[in-house]
Amino acid sequence: MRKMFFWLLFALIFIISAAFAAFNMTAVTVNFYFGDITLPLAAVLVLAMLAGVALGVIVLMMSTLKLRYENRRLQHKLSVSEQEINSLRILPIKDKH
């Protein structure tokens, strides 16, 4: 059921996107510092969205890598602490009285 919902949602988005692209085939010129390029408006918008998604993925990956590093560091610290506790548990108790 859930899989079918996602397929229908994908088909709906695809149809809307295709209709948008069909109605927006006007050529636009995008000027860069080093030149310019003429593409259909729909292509420019798709490229802009893809660039935004790519930047978002890069930012999320950087955040995820930072969290993984922190997790690994804390796991190591926990392991060292557990080893220290275990070594202290096996020491005999010395009573001076």
PDB file of N, CA and C in Angstrom:
ATOM      1  N   MET A   1       0.822  -1.194   0.000  1.00  0.00           N
ATOM      2  CA  MET A   1       0.000   0.000   0.000  1.00  0.00           C
ATOM      3  C   MET A   1       0.869   1.263   0.000  1.00  0.00           C
ATOM      4  N   ARG A   2       1.856   1.256   0.873  1.00  0.00           N
ATOM      5  CA  ARG A   2       2.737   2.412   0.971  1.00  0.00           C
ATOM      6  C   ARG A   2       3.564   2.579  -0.305  1.00  0.00           C
ATOM      7  N   LYS A   3       4.021   1.458  -0.845  1.00  0.00           N
ATOM      8  CA  LYS A   3       4.812   1.495  -2.068  1.00  0.00           C
ATOM      9  C   LYS A   3       3.980   2.049  -3.221  1.00  0.00           C
ATOM     10  N   MET A   4       2.734   1.659  -3.277  1.00  0.00           N
ATOM     11  CA  MET A   4       1.851   2.132  -4.333  1.00  0.00           C
ATOM     12  C   MET A   4       1.605   3.640  -4.190  1.00  0.00           C
ATOM     13  N   PHE A   5       1.465   4.122  -2.951  1.00  0.00           N
ATOM     14  CA  PHE A   5       1.286   5.548  -2.711  1.00  0.00           C
ATOM     15  C   PHE A   5       2.482   6.328  -3.246  1.00  0.00           C
ATOM     16  N   PHE A   6       3.694   5.851  -2.976  1.00  0.00           N
ATOM     17  CA  PHE A   6       4.884   6.541  -3.451  1.00  0.00           C
ATOM     18  C   PHE A   6       4.984   6.518  -4.970  1.00  0.00           C
ATOM     19  N   TRP A   7       4.587   5.418  -5.605  1.00  0.00           N
ATOM     20  CA  TRP A   7       4.598   5.365  -7.067  1.00  0.00           C
ATOM     21  C   TRP A   7       3.599   6.352  -7.648  1.00  0.00           C
ATOM     22  N   LEU A   8       2.421   6.437  -7.043  1.00  0.00           N
ATOM     23  CA  LEU A   8       1.423   7.397  -7.521  1.00  0.00           C
ATOM     24  C   LEU A   8       1.897   8.834  -7.307  1.00  0.00           C
ATOM     25  N   LEU A   9       2.516   9.101  -6.164  1.00  0.00           N
ATOM     26  CA  LEU A   9       3.054  10.430  -5.898  1.00  0.00           C
ATOM     27  C   LEU A   9       4.158  10.775  -6.893  1.00  0.00           C
ATOM     28  N   PHE A  10       5.031   9.809  -7.177  1.00  0.00           N
ATOM     29  CA  PHE A  10       6.092  10.013  -8.164  1.00  0.00           C
ATOM     30  C   PHE A  10       5.499  10.294  -9.544  1.00  0.00           C
ATOM     31  N   ALA A  11       4.479   9.540  -9.940  1.00  0.00           N
ATOM     32  CA  ALA A  11       3.840   9.736 -11.254  1.00  0.00           C
ATOM     33  C   ALA A  11       3.189  11.120 -11.321  1.00  0.00           C
ATOM     34  N   LEU A  12       2.540  11.545 -10.244  1.00  0.00           N
ATOM     35  CA  LEU A  12       1.913  12.858 -10.220  1.00  0.00           C
ATOM     36  C   LEU A  12       2.949  13.973 -10.346  1.00  0.00           C
ATOM     37  N   ILE A  13       4.026  13.863  -9.605  1.00  0.00           N
ATOM     38  CA  ILE A  13       5.097  14.866  -9.683  1.00  0.00           C
ATOM     39  C   ILE A  13       5.718  14.877 -11.083  1.00  0.00           C
ATOM     40  N   PHE A  14       5.907  13.693 -11.660  1.00  0.00           N
ATOM     41  CA  PHE A  14       6.464  13.605 -13.009  1.00  0.00           C
ATOM     42  C   PHE A  14       5.549  14.280 -14.027  1.00  0.00           C
ATOM     43  N   ILE A  15       4.255  14.050 -13.938  1.00  0.00           N
ATOM     44  CA  ILE A  15       3.298  14.644 -14.886  1.00  0.00           C
ATOM     45  C   ILE A  15       3.272  16.157 -14.736  1.00  0.00           C
ATOM     46  N   ILE A  16       3.262  16.633 -13.488  1.00  0.00           N
ATOM     47  CA  ILE A  16       3.263  18.085 -13.256  1.00  0.00           C
ATOM     48  C   ILE A  16       4.557  18.699 -13.787  1.00  0.00           C
ATOM     49  N   SER A  17       5.676  18.028 -13.556  1.00  0.00           N
ATOM     50  CA  SER A  17       6.971  18.534 -14.039  1.00  0.00           C
ATOM     51  C   SER A  17       7.021  18.558 -15.557  1.00  0.00           C
ATOM     52  N   ALA A  18       6.495  17.515 -16.194  1.00  0.00           N
ATOM     53  CA  ALA A  18       6.491  17.470 -17.656  1.00  0.00           C
ATOM     54  C   ALA A  18       5.609  18.579 -18.229  1.00  0.00           C
ATOM     55  N   ALA A  19       4.462  18.823 -17.595  1.00  0.00           N
ATOM     56  CA  ALA A  19       3.586  19.905 -18.063  1.00  0.00           C
ATOM     57  C   ALA A  19       4.266  21.258 -17.867  1.00  0.00           C
ATOM     58  N   PHE A  20       4.925  21.445 -16.730  1.00  0.00           N
ATOM     59  CA  PHE A  20       5.642  22.694 -16.482  1.00  0.00           C
ATOM     60  C   PHE A  20       6.724  22.908 -17.527  1.00  0.00           C
ATOM     61  N   ALA A  21       7.474  21.854 -17.821  1.00  0.00           N
ATOM     62  CA  ALA A  21       8.543  21.968 -18.817  1.00  0.00           C
ATOM     63  C   ALA A  21       7.971  22.264 -20.204  1.00  0.00           C
ATOM     64  N   ALA A  22       6.826  21.684 -20.528  1.00  0.00           N
ATOM     65  CA  ALA A  22       6.233  21.914 -21.847  1.00  0.00           C
ATOM     66  C   ALA A  22       5.768  23.354 -22.003  1.00  0.00           C
ATOM     67  N   PHE A  23       5.270  23.950 -20.935  1.00  0.00           N
ATOM     68  CA  PHE A  23       4.786  25.326 -21.012  1.00  0.00           C
ATOM     69  C   PHE A  23       5.903  26.360 -20.873  1.00  0.00           C
ATOM     70  N   ASN A  24       7.069  25.954 -20.428  1.00  0.00           N
ATOM     71  CA  ASN A  24       8.169  26.894 -20.192  1.00  0.00           C
ATOM     72  C   ASN A  24       9.394  26.534 -21.025  1.00  0.00           C
ATOM     73  N   MET A  25       9.206  26.456 -22.322  1.00  0.00           N
ATOM     74  CA  MET A  25      10.312  26.124 -23.214  1.00  0.00           C
ATOM     75  C   MET A  25      10.988  27.376 -23.777  1.00  0.00           C
ATOM     76  N   THR A  26      10.630  28.526 -23.273  1.00  0.00           N
ATOM     77  CA  THR A  26      11.244  29.770 -23.731  1.00  0.00           C
ATOM     78  C   THR A  26      12.722  29.771 -23.366  1.00  0.00           C
ATOM     79  N   ALA A  27      13.552  30.148 -24.309  1.00  0.00           N
ATOM     80  CA  ALA A  27      14.988  30.185 -24.068  1.00  0.00           C
ATOM     81  C   ALA A  27      15.344  31.409 -23.236  1.00  0.00           C
ATOM     82  N   VAL A  28      16.175  31.183 -22.224  1.00  0.00           N
ATOM     83  CA  VAL A  28      16.673  32.279 -21.396  1.00  0.00           C
ATOM     84  C   VAL A  28      18.190  32.224 -21.408  1.00  0.00           C
ATOM     85  N   THR A  29      18.796  33.380 -21.226  1.00  0.00           N
ATOM     86  CA  THR A  29      20.248  33.460 -21.199  1.00  0.00           C
ATOM     87  C   THR A  29      20.696  33.661 -19.765  1.00  0.00           C
ATOM     88  N   VAL A  30      21.601  32.808 -19.332  1.00  0.00           N
ATOM     89  CA  VAL A  30      22.172  32.909 -17.987  1.00  0.00           C
ATOM     90  C   VAL A  30      23.591  33.426 -18.151  1.00  0.00           C
ATOM     91  N   ASN A  31      23.880  34.558 -17.523  1.00  0.00           N
ATOM     92  CA  ASN A  31      25.194  35.185 -17.629  1.00  0.00           C
ATOM     93  C   ASN A  31      26.061  34.805 -16.439  1.00  0.00           C
ATOM     94  N   PHE A  32      27.254  34.345 -16.737  1.00  0.00           N
ATOM     95  CA  PHE A  32      28.263  34.042 -15.732  1.00  0.00           C
ATOM     96  C   PHE A  32      29.395  35.047 -15.889  1.00  0.00           C
ATOM     97  N   TYR A  33      30.318  35.022 -14.964  1.00  0.00           N
ATOM     98  CA  TYR A  33      31.474  35.911 -15.078  1.00  0.00           C
ATOM     99  C   TYR A  33      32.342  35.557 -16.287  1.00  0.00           C
ATOM    100  N   PHE A  34      32.385  34.291 -16.624  1.00  0.00           N
ATOM    101  CA  PHE A  34      33.267  33.839 -17.699  1.00  0.00           C
ATOM    102  C   PHE A  34      32.533  33.587 -19.012  1.00  0.00           C
ATOM    103  N   GLY A  35      31.258  33.848 -19.061  1.00  0.00           N
ATOM    104  CA  GLY A  35      30.509  33.648 -20.298  1.00  0.00           C
ATOM    105  C   GLY A  35      29.025  33.594 -20.032  1.00  0.00           C
ATOM    106  N   ASP A  36      28.290  33.196 -21.064  1.00  0.00           N
ATOM    107  CA  ASP A  36      26.853  33.047 -20.896  1.00  0.00           C
ATOM    108  C   ASP A  36      26.395  31.804 -21.638  1.00  0.00           C
ATOM    109  N   ILE A  37      25.209  31.333 -21.257  1.00  0.00           N
ATOM    110  CA  ILE A  37      24.659  30.123 -21.852  1.00  0.00           C
ATOM    111  C   ILE A  37      23.164  30.327 -22.042  1.00  0.00           C
ATOM    112  N   THR A  38      22.629  29.817 -23.135  1.00  0.00           N
ATOM    113  CA  THR A  38      21.199  29.931 -23.423  1.00  0.00           C
ATOM    114  C   THR A  38      20.578  28.552 -23.327  1.00  0.00           C
ATOM    115  N   LEU A  39      19.617  28.430 -22.429  1.00  0.00           N
ATOM    116  CA  LEU A  39      18.916  27.170 -22.192  1.00  0.00           C
ATOM    117  C   LEU A  39      17.427  27.447 -22.028  1.00  0.00           C
ATOM    118  N   PRO A  40      16.596  26.418 -22.193  1.00  0.00           N
ATOM    119  CA  PRO A  40      15.176  26.605 -21.879  1.00  0.00           C
ATOM    120  C   PRO A  40      14.994  26.886 -20.376  1.00  0.00           C
ATOM    121  N   LEU A  41      13.960  27.637 -20.054  1.00  0.00           N
ATOM    122  CA  LEU A  41      13.706  28.020 -18.667  1.00  0.00           C
ATOM    123  C   LEU A  41      13.551  26.797 -17.769  1.00  0.00           C
ATOM    124  N   ALA A  42      12.861  25.775 -18.244  1.00  0.00           N
ATOM    125  CA  ALA A  42      12.660  24.565 -17.445  1.00  0.00           C
ATOM    126  C   ALA A  42      14.002  23.913 -17.108  1.00  0.00           C
ATOM    127  N   ALA A  43      14.922  23.885 -18.067  1.00  0.00           N
ATOM    128  CA  ALA A  43      16.237  23.290 -17.817  1.00  0.00           C
ATOM    129  C   ALA A  43      17.019  24.096 -16.791  1.00  0.00           C
ATOM    130  N   VAL A  44      16.918  25.420 -16.873  1.00  0.00           N
ATOM    131  CA  VAL A  44      17.620  26.272 -15.908  1.00  0.00           C
ATOM    132  C   VAL A  44      17.080  26.022 -14.504  1.00  0.00           C
ATOM    133  N   LEU A  45      15.765  25.920 -14.373  1.00  0.00           N
ATOM    134  CA  LEU A  45      15.169  25.668 -13.057  1.00  0.00           C
ATOM    135  C   LEU A  45      15.547  24.288 -12.519  1.00  0.00           C
ATOM    136  N   VAL A  46      15.553  23.287 -13.386  1.00  0.00           N
ATOM    137  CA  VAL A  46      15.940  21.939 -12.952  1.00  0.00           C
ATOM    138  C   VAL A  46      17.396  21.929 -12.502  1.00  0.00           C
ATOM    139  N   LEU A  47      18.262  22.584 -13.252  1.00  0.00           N
ATOM    140  CA  LEU A  47      19.675  22.646 -12.865  1.00  0.00           C
ATOM    141  C   LEU A  47      19.861  23.389 -11.546  1.00  0.00           C
ATOM    142  N   ALA A  48      19.092  24.459 -11.351  1.00  0.00           N
ATOM    143  CA  ALA A  48      19.182  25.199 -10.087  1.00  0.00           C
ATOM    144  C   ALA A  48      18.713  24.329  -8.911  1.00  0.00           C
ATOM    145  N   MET A  49      17.639  23.589  -9.120  1.00  0.00           N
ATOM    146  CA  MET A  49      17.162  22.695  -8.049  1.00  0.00           C
ATOM    147  C   MET A  49      18.172  21.593  -7.768  1.00  0.00           C
ATOM    148  N   LEU A  50      18.751  21.020  -8.808  1.00  0.00           N
ATOM    149  CA  LEU A  50      19.750  19.976  -8.612  1.00  0.00           C
ATOM    150  C   LEU A  50      20.982  20.504  -7.874  1.00  0.00           C
ATOM    151  N   ALA A  51      21.384  21.728  -8.203  1.00  0.00           N
ATOM    152  CA  ALA A  51      22.513  22.336  -7.505  1.00  0.00           C
ATOM    153  C   ALA A  51      22.176  22.545  -6.030  1.00  0.00           C
ATOM    154  N   GLY A  52      20.955  22.972  -5.742  1.00  0.00           N
ATOM    155  CA  GLY A  52      20.528  23.142  -4.356  1.00  0.00           C
ATOM    156  C   GLY A  52      20.500  21.830  -3.601  1.00  0.00           C
ATOM    157  N   VAL A  53      20.001  20.789  -4.250  1.00  0.00           N
ATOM    158  CA  VAL A  53      19.977  19.466  -3.616  1.00  0.00           C
ATOM    159  C   VAL A  53      21.397  18.978  -3.363  1.00  0.00           C
ATOM    160  N   ALA A  54      22.284  19.178  -4.329  1.00  0.00           N
ATOM    161  CA  ALA A  54      23.677  18.738  -4.165  1.00  0.00           C
ATOM    162  C   ALA A  54      24.342  19.477  -3.007  1.00  0.00           C
ATOM    163  N   LEU A  55      24.125  20.780  -2.915  1.00  0.00           N
ATOM    164  CA  LEU A  55      24.697  21.537  -1.800  1.00  0.00           C
ATOM    165  C   LEU A  55      24.114  21.071  -0.464  1.00  0.00           C
ATOM    166  N   GLY A  56      22.821  20.797  -0.432  1.00  0.00           N
ATOM    167  CA  GLY A  56      22.189  20.287   0.778  1.00  0.00           C
ATOM    168  C   GLY A  56      22.756  18.945   1.203  1.00  0.00           C
ATOM    169  N   VAL A  57      22.973  18.066   0.236  1.00  0.00           N
ATOM    170  CA  VAL A  57      23.556  16.757   0.540  1.00  0.00           C
ATOM    171  C   VAL A  57      24.968  16.910   1.087  1.00  0.00           C
ATOM    172  N   ILE A  58      25.744  17.810   0.510  1.00  0.00           N
ATOM    173  CA  ILE A  58      27.110  18.035   0.989  1.00  0.00           C
ATOM    174  C   ILE A  58      27.099  18.543   2.423  1.00  0.00           C
ATOM    175  N   VAL A  59      26.218  19.484   2.718  1.00  0.00           N
ATOM    176  CA  VAL A  59      26.141  20.009   4.086  1.00  0.00           C
ATOM    177  C   VAL A  59      25.720  18.917   5.061  1.00  0.00           C
ATOM    178  N   LEU A  60      24.733  18.103   4.679  1.00  0.00           N
ATOM    179  CA  LEU A  60      24.294  17.015   5.556  1.00  0.00           C
ATOM    180  C   LEU A  60      25.391  15.976   5.747  1.00  0.00           C
ATOM    181  N   MET A  61      26.151  15.690   4.695  1.00  0.00           N
ATOM    182  CA  MET A  61      27.240  14.726   4.822  1.00  0.00           C
ATOM    183  C   MET A  61      28.319  15.244   5.758  1.00  0.00           C
ATOM    184  N   MET A  62      28.619  16.537   5.680  1.00  0.00           N
ATOM    185  CA  MET A  62      29.614  17.113   6.585  1.00  0.00           C
ATOM    186  C   MET A  62      29.138  16.999   8.027  1.00  0.00           C
ATOM    187  N   SER A  63      27.864  17.293   8.255  1.00  0.00           N
ATOM    188  CA  SER A  63      27.296  17.197   9.596  1.00  0.00           C
ATOM    189  C   SER A  63      27.309  15.751  10.078  1.00  0.00           C
ATOM    190  N   THR A  64      26.956  14.837   9.203  1.00  0.00           N
ATOM    191  CA  THR A  64      26.938  13.414   9.568  1.00  0.00           C
ATOM    192  C   THR A  64      28.343  12.925   9.873  1.00  0.00           C
ATOM    193  N   LEU A  65      29.325  13.334   9.081  1.00  0.00           N
ATOM    194  CA  LEU A  65      30.700  12.913   9.339  1.00  0.00           C
ATOM    195  C   LEU A  65      31.189  13.447  10.675  1.00  0.00           C
ATOM    196  N   LYS A  66      30.817  14.668  11.009  1.00  0.00           N
ATOM    197  CA  LYS A  66      31.194  15.245  12.294  1.00  0.00           C
ATOM    198  C   LYS A  66      30.582  14.432  13.440  1.00  0.00           C
ATOM    199  N   LEU A  67      29.309  14.066  13.298  1.00  0.00           N
ATOM    200  CA  LEU A  67      28.652  13.277  14.336  1.00  0.00           C
ATOM    201  C   LEU A  67      29.251  11.873  14.446  1.00  0.00           C
ATOM    202  N   ARG A  68      29.616  11.287  13.316  1.00  0.00           N
ATOM    203  CA  ARG A  68      30.250   9.965  13.356  1.00  0.00           C
ATOM    204  C   ARG A  68      31.597  10.021  14.066  1.00  0.00           C
ATOM    205  N   TYR A  69      32.367  11.068  13.790  1.00  0.00           N
ATOM    206  CA  TYR A  69      33.656  11.232  14.459  1.00  0.00           C
ATOM    207  C   TYR A  69      33.452  11.377  15.961  1.00  0.00           C
ATOM    208  N   GLU A  70      32.491  12.196  16.354  1.00  0.00           N
ATOM    209  CA  GLU A  70      32.204  12.404  17.778  1.00  0.00           C
ATOM    210  C   GLU A  70      31.745  11.098  18.424  1.00  0.00           C
ATOM    211  N   ASN A  71      30.911  10.339  17.729  1.00  0.00           N
ATOM    212  CA  ASN A  71      30.442   9.055  18.243  1.00  0.00           C
ATOM    213  C   ASN A  71      31.597   8.080  18.427  1.00  0.00           C
ATOM    214  N   ARG A  72      32.495   8.020  17.450  1.00  0.00           N
ATOM    215  CA  ARG A  72      33.646   7.131  17.540  1.00  0.00           C
ATOM    216  C   ARG A  72      34.548   7.523  18.713  1.00  0.00           C
ATOM    217  N   ARG A  73      34.741   8.826  18.896  1.00  0.00           N
ATOM    218  CA  ARG A  73      35.567   9.313  20.001  1.00  0.00           C
ATOM    219  C   ARG A  73      34.947   8.948  21.347  1.00  0.00           C
ATOM    220  N   LEU A  74      33.647   9.127  21.472  1.00  0.00           N
ATOM    221  CA  LEU A  74      32.970   8.801  22.728  1.00  0.00           C
ATOM    222  C   LEU A  74      32.933   7.295  22.981  1.00  0.00           C
ATOM    223  N   GLN A  75      32.789   6.495  21.916  1.00  0.00           N
ATOM    224  CA  GLN A  75      32.827   5.037  22.080  1.00  0.00           C
ATOM    225  C   GLN A  75      34.191   4.599  22.597  1.00  0.00           C
ATOM    226  N   HIS A  76      35.242   5.198  22.057  1.00  0.00           N
ATOM    227  CA  HIS A  76      36.592   4.865  22.517  1.00  0.00           C
ATOM    228  C   HIS A  76      36.770   5.267  23.976  1.00  0.00           C
ATOM    229  N   LYS A  77      36.291   6.442  24.333  1.00  0.00           N
ATOM    230  CA  LYS A  77      36.390   6.916  25.711  1.00  0.00           C
ATOM    231  C   LYS A  77      35.618   5.989  26.654  1.00  0.00           C
ATOM    232  N   LEU A  78      34.443   5.542  26.235  1.00  0.00           N
ATOM    233  CA  LEU A  78      33.652   4.603  27.028  1.00  0.00           C
ATOM    234  C   LEU A  78      34.381   3.283  27.201  1.00  0.00           C
ATOM    235  N   SER A  79      34.997   2.798  26.139  1.00  0.00           N
ATOM    236  CA  SER A  79      35.733   1.543  26.209  1.00  0.00           C
ATOM    237  C   SER A  79      36.894   1.641  27.193  1.00  0.00           C
ATOM    238  N   VAL A  80      37.622   2.746  27.143  1.00  0.00           N
ATOM    239  CA  VAL A  80      38.741   2.950  28.074  1.00  0.00           C
ATOM    240  C   VAL A  80      38.224   3.022  29.505  1.00  0.00           C
ATOM    241  N   SER A  81      37.118   3.700  29.726  1.00  0.00           N
ATOM    242  CA  SER A  81      36.545   3.817  31.069  1.00  0.00           C
ATOM    243  C   SER A  81      36.072   2.466  31.582  1.00  0.00           C
ATOM    244  N   GLU A  82      35.456   1.671  30.723  1.00  0.00           N
ATOM    245  CA  GLU A  82      35.008   0.340  31.137  1.00  0.00           C
ATOM    246  C   GLU A  82      36.195  -0.557  31.482  1.00  0.00           C
ATOM    247  N   GLN A  83      37.262  -0.465  30.706  1.00  0.00           N
ATOM    248  CA  GLN A  83      38.456  -1.259  31.027  1.00  0.00           C
ATOM    249  C   GLN A  83      39.032  -0.838  32.369  1.00  0.00           C
ATOM    250  N   GLU A  84      39.053   0.447  32.642  1.00  0.00           N
ATOM    251  CA  GLU A  84      39.565   0.935  33.921  1.00  0.00           C
ATOM    252  C   GLU A  84      38.694   0.449  35.075  1.00  0.00           C
ATOM    253  N   ILE A  85      37.389   0.480  34.917  1.00  0.00           N
ATOM    254  CA  ILE A  85      36.490  -0.003  35.960  1.00  0.00           C
ATOM    255  C   ILE A  85      36.687  -1.484  36.194  1.00  0.00           C
ATOM    256  N   ASN A  86      36.817  -2.259  35.126  1.00  0.00           N
ATOM    257  CA  ASN A  86      37.034  -3.704  35.274  1.00  0.00           C
ATOM    258  C   ASN A  86      38.360  -3.998  35.965  1.00  0.00           C
ATOM    259  N   SER A  87      39.396  -3.250  35.645  1.00  0.00           N
ATOM    260  CA  SER A  87      40.679  -3.483  36.306  1.00  0.00           C
ATOM    261  C   SER A  87      40.612  -3.094  37.781  1.00  0.00           C
ATOM    262  N   LEU A  88      39.834  -2.095  38.127  1.00  0.00           N
ATOM    263  CA  LEU A  88      39.678  -1.713  39.533  1.00  0.00           C
ATOM    264  C   LEU A  88      38.831  -2.726  40.298  1.00  0.00           C
ATOM    265  N   ARG A  89      37.903  -3.378  39.645  1.00  0.00           N
ATOM    266  CA  ARG A  89      37.056  -4.378  40.307  1.00  0.00           C
ATOM    267  C   ARG A  89      37.852  -5.618  40.711  1.00  0.00           C
ATOM    268  N   ILE A  90      38.857  -5.964  39.945  1.00  0.00           N
ATOM    269  CA  ILE A  90      39.570  -7.203  40.249  1.00  0.00           C
ATOM    270  C   ILE A  90      40.701  -6.983  41.259  1.00  0.00           C
ATOM    271  N   LEU A  91      40.987  -5.750  41.621  1.00  0.00           N
ATOM    272  CA  LEU A  91      42.028  -5.487  42.624  1.00  0.00           C
ATOM    273  C   LEU A  91      41.533  -5.943  43.993  1.00  0.00           C
ATOM    274  N   PRO A  92      42.404  -6.553  44.765  1.00  0.00           N
ATOM    275  CA  PRO A  92      41.984  -6.976  46.098  1.00  0.00           C
ATOM    276  C   PRO A  92      41.843  -5.751  47.011  1.00  0.00           C
ATOM    277  N   ILE A  93      40.941  -5.864  47.953  1.00  0.00           N
ATOM    278  CA  ILE A  93      40.722  -4.777  48.901  1.00  0.00           C
ATOM    279  C   ILE A  93      41.768  -4.929  50.006  1.00  0.00           C
ATOM    280  N   LYS A  94      42.498  -3.860  50.262  1.00  0.00           N
ATOM    281  CA  LYS A  94      43.516  -3.855  51.316  1.00  0.00           C
ATOM    282  C   LYS A  94      42.989  -3.066  52.489  1.00  0.00           C
ATOM    283  N   ASP A  95      42.826  -3.746  53.609  1.00  0.00           N
ATOM    284  CA  ASP A  95      42.309  -3.108  54.791  1.00  0.00           C
ATOM    285  C   ASP A  95      43.463  -2.908  55.785  1.00  0.00           C
ATOM    286  N   LYS A  96      43.651  -1.705  56.279  1.00  0.00           N
ATOM    287  CA  LYS A  96      44.760  -1.414  57.197  1.00  0.00           C
ATOM    288  C   LYS A  96      44.385  -1.783  58.638  1.00  0.00           C
ATOM    289  N   HIS A  97      43.185  -2.093  58.962  1.00  0.00           N
ATOM    290  CA  HIS A  97      42.789  -2.385  60.340  1.00  0.00           C
ATOM    291  C   HIS A  97      42.879  -3.818  60.647  1.00  0.00           C
TER     292      HIS A  97
END
